[in-house]
Amino acid sequence: MSEAFFRDLGLPRPDHNLGVGSGTHAQQTAAILERFEPIVADLRPDLVLVYGDVNSTVAAALVAAKLGIRVGHVEAGLRSRDWTMPEEINRVVTDRLSDLLFAPSRDAVDNLRAEGVPAERIHFVGNIMIDALMTALPVARALDAPARHGVTGSEYVIVTLHRPANVDDPATLGELLAALEALGKERPVLFPVHPRTRERMGTSPPGTSPPDPLSSTRRGGTSRPGSGLRLLDPLPYLEMLSLVNGASLVITDSGGLQEETTFLGIPCLTVRPNTERPITCTQGTNRLVALQRDAILAAARDGRSRRPPAAPEIERWDGRAAERIAAVICEGERFD
């Protein structure tokens, strides 16, 4: 998937690719530590800038900190307060290691201050993901992905699910798939299936004749062709953004989509008990929903009738977060 992001966002090719693939959290983190350290030791940069909350984030920050090199964390201060989430551990550890903490929202600033981070390290720069979205949106709209998928002019739902808590347990995944299949009887449901989720569902690779994609998870259940639930391969960023932009509803467990749908003014149901992005619920279009078939269906029906009229104006979600980060690093500016 990284290839699609380089292509779709017009990013230059990296000078160094660590080549760390899938594996357990320990395996990924250890591989990044081992492969990133000699690069940093050789280059001796003034700053290592890390983003987000994945294993590479905390591993790169740890390497830099141990080598005495300053660390900057983009998307600092987000907290779900759910220690069962590996991402929460990564966020907290990375923030403790960082010299510059670039917060995307006021609540993130408040979290860092409550944890005792010195005020001079914290910069409220805004949400860099919105920078990317605003840059890519005109091209995504021009793709007209809804037409390519045959859903132009109709209300349809986009789904992404990949978190272990939702897809690793067969009964839990079965409950989700049952909800999606039921919703698919009311309107088209497009579900680009994450590789992790596809593995749990027991589907075959493209080009083969897969078994019923729901039968391995829903005992005794079948995927009814007329239900409207369509399982897709993972989509490139621009095509996915084009589909999200035209959707009547998004169902997800992803953090980024909570923010994108809020900016676009599209109702979003996040199938999780908590979120590290509460601003998307208090000021945006996001709503947390229980992992239960009836709860998901009820929220989906309610969401369709309450589509927000326009994108909200969340402070500093204006496409200029990257400019502010550059100003802090290169010119020593402050953003409170």
Protein backbone atom coordinates (compact mmCIF):
# COMPACT_ATOMS: atom_id res chain seq x y z
CA MET A 1 0.00 0.00 0.00
CA SER A 2 2.90 2.40 0.57
CA GLU A 3 3.55 2.47 -3.17
CA ALA A 4 0.07 3.87 -3.74
CA PHE A 5 0.67 6.68 -1.25
CA PHE A 6 3.95 7.71 -2.89
CA ARG A 7 2.24 7.77 -6.26
CA ASP A 8 -1.06 9.38 -5.28
CA LEU A 9 0.43 12.10 -3.07
CA GLY A 10 3.34 12.88 -5.38
CA LEU A 11 5.93 12.06 -2.71
CA PRO A 12 9.61 11.70 -3.65
CA ARG A 13 11.13 8.27 -3.37
CA PRO A 14 12.83 7.70 0.01
CA ASP A 15 16.61 7.64 0.20
CA HIS A 16 16.34 4.76 2.67
CA ASN A 17 13.65 2.11 2.86
CA LEU A 18 13.90 -0.07 5.95
CA GLY A 19 11.90 -2.83 4.28
CA VAL A 20 10.19 -3.94 7.48
CA GLY A 21 7.06 -5.89 6.61
CA SER A 22 4.40 -7.50 8.73
CA GLY A 23 5.07 -9.36 11.94
CA THR A 24 4.32 -9.19 15.64
CA HIS A 25 4.71 -5.88 17.44
CA ALA A 26 8.01 -7.06 18.92
CA GLN A 27 9.31 -8.25 15.56
CA GLN A 28 8.43 -5.02 13.77
CA THR A 29 9.77 -2.78 16.50
CA ALA A 30 13.00 -4.74 16.84
CA ALA A 31 13.60 -4.75 13.08
CA ILE A 32 13.10 -0.99 12.86
CA LEU A 33 15.44 -0.37 15.80
CA GLU A 34 18.13 -2.52 14.22
CA ARG A 35 17.83 -1.09 10.70
CA PHE A 36 17.23 2.56 11.56
CA GLU A 37 20.05 3.02 14.08
CA PRO A 38 23.00 2.74 11.63
CA ILE A 39 21.32 5.18 9.25
CA VAL A 40 20.87 7.79 11.97
CA ALA A 41 24.34 7.18 13.34
CA ASP A 42 25.78 7.78 9.87
CA LEU A 43 23.69 10.83 8.92
CA ARG A 44 23.65 12.52 12.36
CA PRO A 45 20.58 14.66 11.61
CA ASP A 46 19.65 17.66 13.74
CA LEU A 47 16.17 16.23 14.25
CA VAL A 48 14.26 13.00 13.65
CA LEU A 49 10.64 13.76 12.77
CA VAL A 50 8.17 10.94 13.42
CA TYR A 51 4.47 10.78 12.66
CA GLY A 52 1.46 9.07 14.16
CA ASP A 53 1.26 6.07 16.46
CA VAL A 54 2.52 2.98 14.65
CA ASN A 55 5.44 0.78 15.64
CA SER A 56 7.87 2.65 13.38
CA THR A 57 6.94 5.88 15.19
CA VAL A 58 8.03 4.74 18.63
CA ALA A 59 11.01 2.73 17.34
CA ALA A 60 12.46 5.66 15.37
CA ALA A 61 11.94 8.00 18.33
CA LEU A 62 13.72 5.56 20.64
CA VAL A 63 16.69 5.24 18.29
CA ALA A 64 17.08 9.01 18.03
CA ALA A 65 16.68 9.62 21.75
CA LYS A 66 19.33 7.03 22.63
CA LEU A 67 21.72 8.62 20.13
CA GLY A 68 21.19 12.05 21.66
CA ILE A 69 19.29 13.44 18.66
CA ARG A 70 16.21 15.61 19.06
CA VAL A 71 12.82 14.10 18.25
CA GLY A 72 9.77 15.84 16.82
CA HIS A 73 6.39 14.09 17.00
CA VAL A 74 3.69 15.04 14.51
CA GLU A 75 0.21 14.22 15.85
CA ALA A 76 1.32 14.43 19.46
CA GLY A 77 -1.01 14.38 22.42
CA LEU A 78 -3.82 12.18 21.11
CA ARG A 79 -5.15 9.88 23.83
CA SER A 80 -7.80 7.16 23.88
CA ARG A 81 -6.87 6.16 27.47
CA ASP A 82 -7.29 2.56 26.35
CA TRP A 83 -4.13 0.66 27.21
CA THR A 84 -5.33 -2.41 25.31
CA MET A 85 -4.56 -0.48 22.11
CA PRO A 86 -0.93 -0.88 20.98
CA GLU A 87 -1.23 2.56 19.38
CA GLU A 88 -1.90 4.18 22.76
CA ILE A 89 1.34 2.76 24.13
CA ASN A 90 3.20 4.03 21.07
CA ARG A 91 1.69 7.52 21.42
CA VAL A 92 2.53 7.94 25.09
CA VAL A 93 6.08 6.61 24.82
CA THR A 94 6.83 8.70 21.74
CA ASP A 95 5.57 11.87 23.40
CA ARG A 96 7.78 11.20 26.43
CA LEU A 97 10.80 10.90 24.13
CA SER A 98 10.04 13.98 22.02
CA ASP A 99 11.57 17.44 22.23
CA LEU A 100 9.02 19.04 19.89
CA LEU A 101 5.38 17.95 20.16
CA PHE A 102 3.18 19.02 17.27
CA ALA A 103 -0.45 18.81 18.42
CA PRO A 104 -3.34 18.60 15.94
CA SER A 105 -6.07 19.93 18.27
CA ARG A 106 -6.63 21.82 21.51
CA ASP A 107 -7.59 18.68 23.42
CA ALA A 108 -4.24 17.13 22.44
CA VAL A 109 -2.49 20.17 23.90
CA ASP A 110 -4.50 19.78 27.09
CA ASN A 111 -3.51 16.10 27.34
CA LEU A 112 0.18 16.91 27.08
CA ARG A 113 0.00 19.69 29.66
CA ALA A 114 -1.89 17.40 32.05
CA GLU A 115 0.94 14.87 31.71
CA GLY A 116 3.52 17.48 32.70
CA VAL A 117 5.08 18.17 29.30
CA PRO A 118 6.78 21.59 29.43
CA ALA A 119 4.74 24.20 27.55
CA GLU A 120 7.71 25.29 25.45
CA ARG A 121 7.87 21.86 23.83
CA ILE A 122 4.22 21.89 22.72
CA HIS A 123 3.12 23.52 19.45
CA PHE A 124 -0.51 23.62 18.36
CA VAL A 125 0.02 23.39 14.61
CA GLY A 126 -3.21 21.77 13.39
CA ASN A 127 -3.91 18.54 11.58
CA ILE A 128 -1.44 17.59 8.88
CA MET A 129 -3.80 14.89 7.59
CA ILE A 130 -6.15 17.68 6.54
CA ASP A 131 -3.26 19.22 4.59
CA ALA A 132 -3.01 16.00 2.58
CA LEU A 133 -6.76 15.73 2.12
CA MET A 134 -7.14 19.30 0.87
CA THR A 135 -4.31 18.80 -1.60
CA ALA A 136 -5.67 15.52 -2.92
CA LEU A 137 -9.41 16.28 -2.92
CA PRO A 138 -9.67 17.99 -6.35
CA VAL A 139 -7.90 15.07 -8.04
CA ALA A 140 -9.96 12.54 -6.08
CA ARG A 141 -13.21 14.21 -7.13
CA ALA A 142 -12.10 14.20 -10.75
CA LEU A 143 -11.61 10.41 -10.60
CA ASP A 144 -15.36 9.96 -10.02
CA ALA A 145 -14.81 6.61 -8.33
CA PRO A 146 -18.52 6.25 -7.45
CA ALA A 147 -19.30 6.04 -11.17
CA ARG A 148 -16.58 3.44 -11.69
CA HIS A 149 -18.09 1.35 -8.92
CA GLY A 150 -21.66 1.83 -10.14
CA VAL A 151 -23.00 3.80 -7.18
CA THR A 152 -23.31 7.31 -8.65
CA GLY A 153 -26.54 9.00 -7.66
CA SER A 154 -27.36 6.53 -4.91
CA GLU A 155 -26.81 6.58 -1.18
CA TYR A 156 -24.03 4.14 -0.39
CA VAL A 157 -21.85 3.19 2.57
CA ILE A 158 -18.06 2.84 2.72
CA VAL A 159 -16.59 0.44 5.30
CA THR A 160 -13.06 -0.11 6.62
CA LEU A 161 -12.29 -2.52 9.44
CA HIS A 162 -8.87 -3.77 10.48
CA ARG A 163 -8.25 -3.38 14.22
CA PRO A 164 -7.44 -6.64 16.04
CA ALA A 165 -10.23 -6.08 18.56
CA ASN A 166 -12.74 -6.12 15.70
CA VAL A 167 -11.41 -8.70 13.28
CA ASP A 168 -9.29 -11.25 15.15
CA ASP A 169 -12.12 -12.97 17.01
CA PRO A 170 -14.42 -14.96 14.67
CA ALA A 171 -17.56 -14.22 16.68
CA THR A 172 -16.84 -10.48 16.76
CA LEU A 173 -16.05 -10.33 13.06
CA GLY A 174 -19.15 -12.37 12.36
CA GLU A 175 -21.30 -9.83 14.22
CA LEU A 176 -19.83 -7.02 12.13
CA LEU A 177 -20.33 -8.87 8.86
CA ALA A 178 -23.91 -9.69 9.80
CA ALA A 179 -24.59 -5.99 10.38
CA LEU A 180 -23.02 -5.05 7.06
CA GLU A 181 -24.95 -7.70 5.19
CA ALA A 182 -28.21 -6.47 6.74
CA LEU A 183 -27.35 -2.87 5.90
CA GLY A 184 -26.55 -3.97 2.36
CA LYS A 185 -30.21 -4.88 1.87
CA GLU A 186 -31.06 -1.20 2.27
CA ARG A 187 -28.31 0.44 0.19
CA PRO A 188 -24.99 -0.50 -1.41
CA VAL A 189 -22.18 -1.21 1.04
CA LEU A 190 -18.64 -1.06 -0.38
CA PHE A 191 -16.07 -2.76 1.83
CA PRO A 192 -12.41 -2.54 0.73
CA VAL A 193 -11.00 -5.39 2.78
CA HIS A 194 -7.73 -4.82 4.64
CA PRO A 195 -5.24 -7.70 4.22
CA ARG A 196 -5.48 -8.51 7.93
CA THR A 197 -9.26 -8.68 7.74
CA ARG A 198 -9.20 -10.69 4.52
CA GLU A 199 -6.95 -13.25 6.17
CA ARG A 200 -9.34 -13.55 9.09
CA MET A 201 -12.28 -13.95 6.72
CA GLY A 202 -10.52 -16.78 4.91
CA THR A 203 -10.96 -15.37 1.42
CA SER A 204 -8.68 -16.30 -1.44
CA PRO A 205 -6.43 -13.94 -3.39
CA PRO A 206 -7.80 -12.18 -6.50
CA GLY A 207 -7.90 -14.37 -9.58
CA THR A 208 -8.97 -17.49 -7.73
CA SER A 209 -12.38 -18.85 -6.87
CA PRO A 210 -12.77 -17.89 -3.22
CA PRO A 211 -15.06 -19.64 -0.82
CA ASP A 212 -18.04 -17.75 0.53
CA PRO A 213 -16.26 -14.81 2.22
CA LEU A 214 -18.65 -14.81 5.15
CA SER A 215 -19.04 -18.53 5.71
CA SER A 216 -15.68 -18.98 7.43
CA THR A 217 -16.68 -16.42 10.04
CA ARG A 218 -20.45 -16.65 10.27
CA ARG A 219 -21.22 -20.26 10.96
CA GLY A 220 -24.11 -21.35 8.81
CA GLY A 221 -24.31 -17.91 7.13
CA THR A 222 -23.90 -17.03 3.48
CA SER A 223 -23.12 -13.94 1.46
CA ARG A 224 -26.30 -13.27 -0.46
CA PRO A 225 -25.54 -11.75 -3.90
CA GLY A 226 -28.58 -9.49 -3.66
CA SER A 227 -27.69 -8.05 -0.28
CA GLY A 228 -25.66 -5.14 -1.65
CA LEU A 229 -22.55 -5.92 0.39
CA ARG A 230 -19.56 -5.78 -1.96
CA LEU A 231 -16.11 -6.92 -0.84
CA LEU A 232 -13.33 -5.06 -2.68
CA ASP A 233 -9.56 -5.29 -2.76
CA PRO A 234 -7.72 -2.49 -0.90
CA LEU A 235 -8.00 0.77 -2.83
CA PRO A 236 -5.40 3.46 -3.57
CA TYR A 237 -5.71 6.60 -1.48
CA LEU A 238 -7.19 8.82 -4.21
CA GLU A 239 -9.80 6.28 -5.24
CA MET A 240 -10.76 5.68 -1.62
CA LEU A 241 -11.02 9.41 -0.97
CA SER A 242 -13.22 9.78 -4.04
CA LEU A 243 -15.58 7.10 -2.73
CA VAL A 244 -15.61 8.54 0.80
CA ASN A 245 -16.36 12.00 -0.55
CA GLY A 246 -19.52 10.73 -2.27
CA ALA A 247 -20.72 8.40 0.50
CA SER A 248 -23.80 8.91 2.65
CA LEU A 249 -22.12 7.13 5.56
CA VAL A 250 -18.73 5.71 6.57
CA ILE A 251 -18.34 2.82 9.01
CA THR A 252 -14.79 2.37 10.27
CA ASP A 253 -12.39 1.63 13.09
CA SER A 254 -9.67 3.83 11.59
CA GLY A 255 -8.46 7.03 13.21
CA GLY A 256 -7.76 8.91 10.00
CA LEU A 257 -11.22 8.40 8.53
CA GLN A 258 -12.80 9.92 11.63
CA GLU A 259 -10.95 13.14 10.77
CA GLU A 260 -11.50 13.03 7.02
CA THR A 261 -15.25 12.49 7.33
CA THR A 262 -15.49 15.31 9.86
CA PHE A 263 -13.76 17.69 7.46
CA LEU A 264 -15.93 16.52 4.54
CA GLY A 265 -19.16 16.68 6.55
CA ILE A 266 -19.99 12.98 6.13
CA PRO A 267 -21.58 10.96 8.96
CA CYS A 268 -19.15 8.43 10.41
CA LEU A 269 -19.73 5.48 12.72
CA THR A 270 -16.61 4.35 14.55
CA VAL A 271 -16.96 0.78 15.80
CA ARG A 272 -14.93 1.25 18.96
CA PRO A 273 -15.66 1.98 22.63
CA ASN A 274 -13.38 5.04 22.60
CA THR A 275 -11.43 7.34 20.31
CA GLU A 276 -8.17 9.26 20.57
CA ARG A 277 -9.83 11.92 18.38
CA PRO A 278 -12.79 13.08 20.55
CA ILE A 279 -12.97 16.37 18.66
CA THR A 280 -14.48 14.43 15.76
CA CYS A 281 -17.39 13.54 18.05
CA THR A 282 -17.80 16.85 19.89
CA GLN A 283 -17.30 19.16 16.89
CA GLY A 284 -17.48 16.80 13.95
CA THR A 285 -19.58 14.10 12.34
CA ASN A 286 -18.25 11.06 14.16
CA ARG A 287 -20.19 8.81 16.50
CA LEU A 288 -18.94 5.86 18.53
CA VAL A 289 -21.08 2.75 18.17
CA ALA A 290 -21.15 -0.52 20.06
CA LEU A 291 -20.00 -3.68 18.36
CA GLN A 292 -23.50 -5.09 18.07
CA ARG A 293 -25.54 -5.72 14.95
CA ASP A 294 -28.66 -3.87 16.12
CA ALA A 295 -26.67 -0.89 17.44
CA ILE A 296 -24.78 -0.51 14.15
CA LEU A 297 -27.98 -0.73 12.07
CA ALA A 298 -29.83 1.77 14.26
CA ALA A 299 -26.93 4.24 14.16
CA ALA A 300 -26.58 3.81 10.39
CA ARG A 301 -30.24 4.62 9.83
CA ASP A 302 -30.05 7.60 12.15
CA GLY A 303 -26.87 8.83 10.49
CA ARG A 304 -28.48 8.85 7.08
CA SER A 305 -31.21 11.22 8.28
CA ARG A 306 -28.76 13.61 9.99
CA ARG A 307 -26.18 14.31 7.28
CA PRO A 308 -24.38 17.55 8.23
CA PRO A 309 -24.82 20.36 5.71
CA ALA A 310 -21.16 21.35 5.49
CA ALA A 311 -17.70 20.76 6.91
CA PRO A 312 -17.21 22.21 10.40
CA GLU A 313 -14.54 24.78 11.07
CA ILE A 314 -12.20 23.13 13.54
CA GLU A 315 -9.40 25.39 14.68
CA ARG A 316 -6.28 25.12 12.49
CA TRP A 317 -7.66 22.35 10.30
CA ASP A 318 -6.91 24.68 7.43
CA GLY A 319 -4.30 22.92 5.29
CA ARG A 320 -1.37 24.84 6.79
CA ALA A 321 -0.17 22.47 9.52
CA ALA A 322 2.96 21.53 7.54
CA GLU A 323 3.86 25.21 7.14
CA ARG A 324 3.65 25.72 10.88
CA ILE A 325 5.76 22.63 11.60
CA ALA A 326 8.42 23.87 9.17
CA ALA A 327 8.36 27.30 10.81
CA VAL A 328 8.95 25.78 14.24
CA ILE A 329 11.82 23.58 13.07
CA CYS A 330 13.55 26.02 10.72
CA GLU A 331 12.75 29.42 12.22
CA GLY A 332 12.10 28.71 15.87
CA GLU A 333 8.55 30.05 15.81
CA ARG A 334 5.95 29.18 18.44
CA PHE A 335 2.32 28.23 17.96
CA ASP A 336 0.22 28.24 21.12
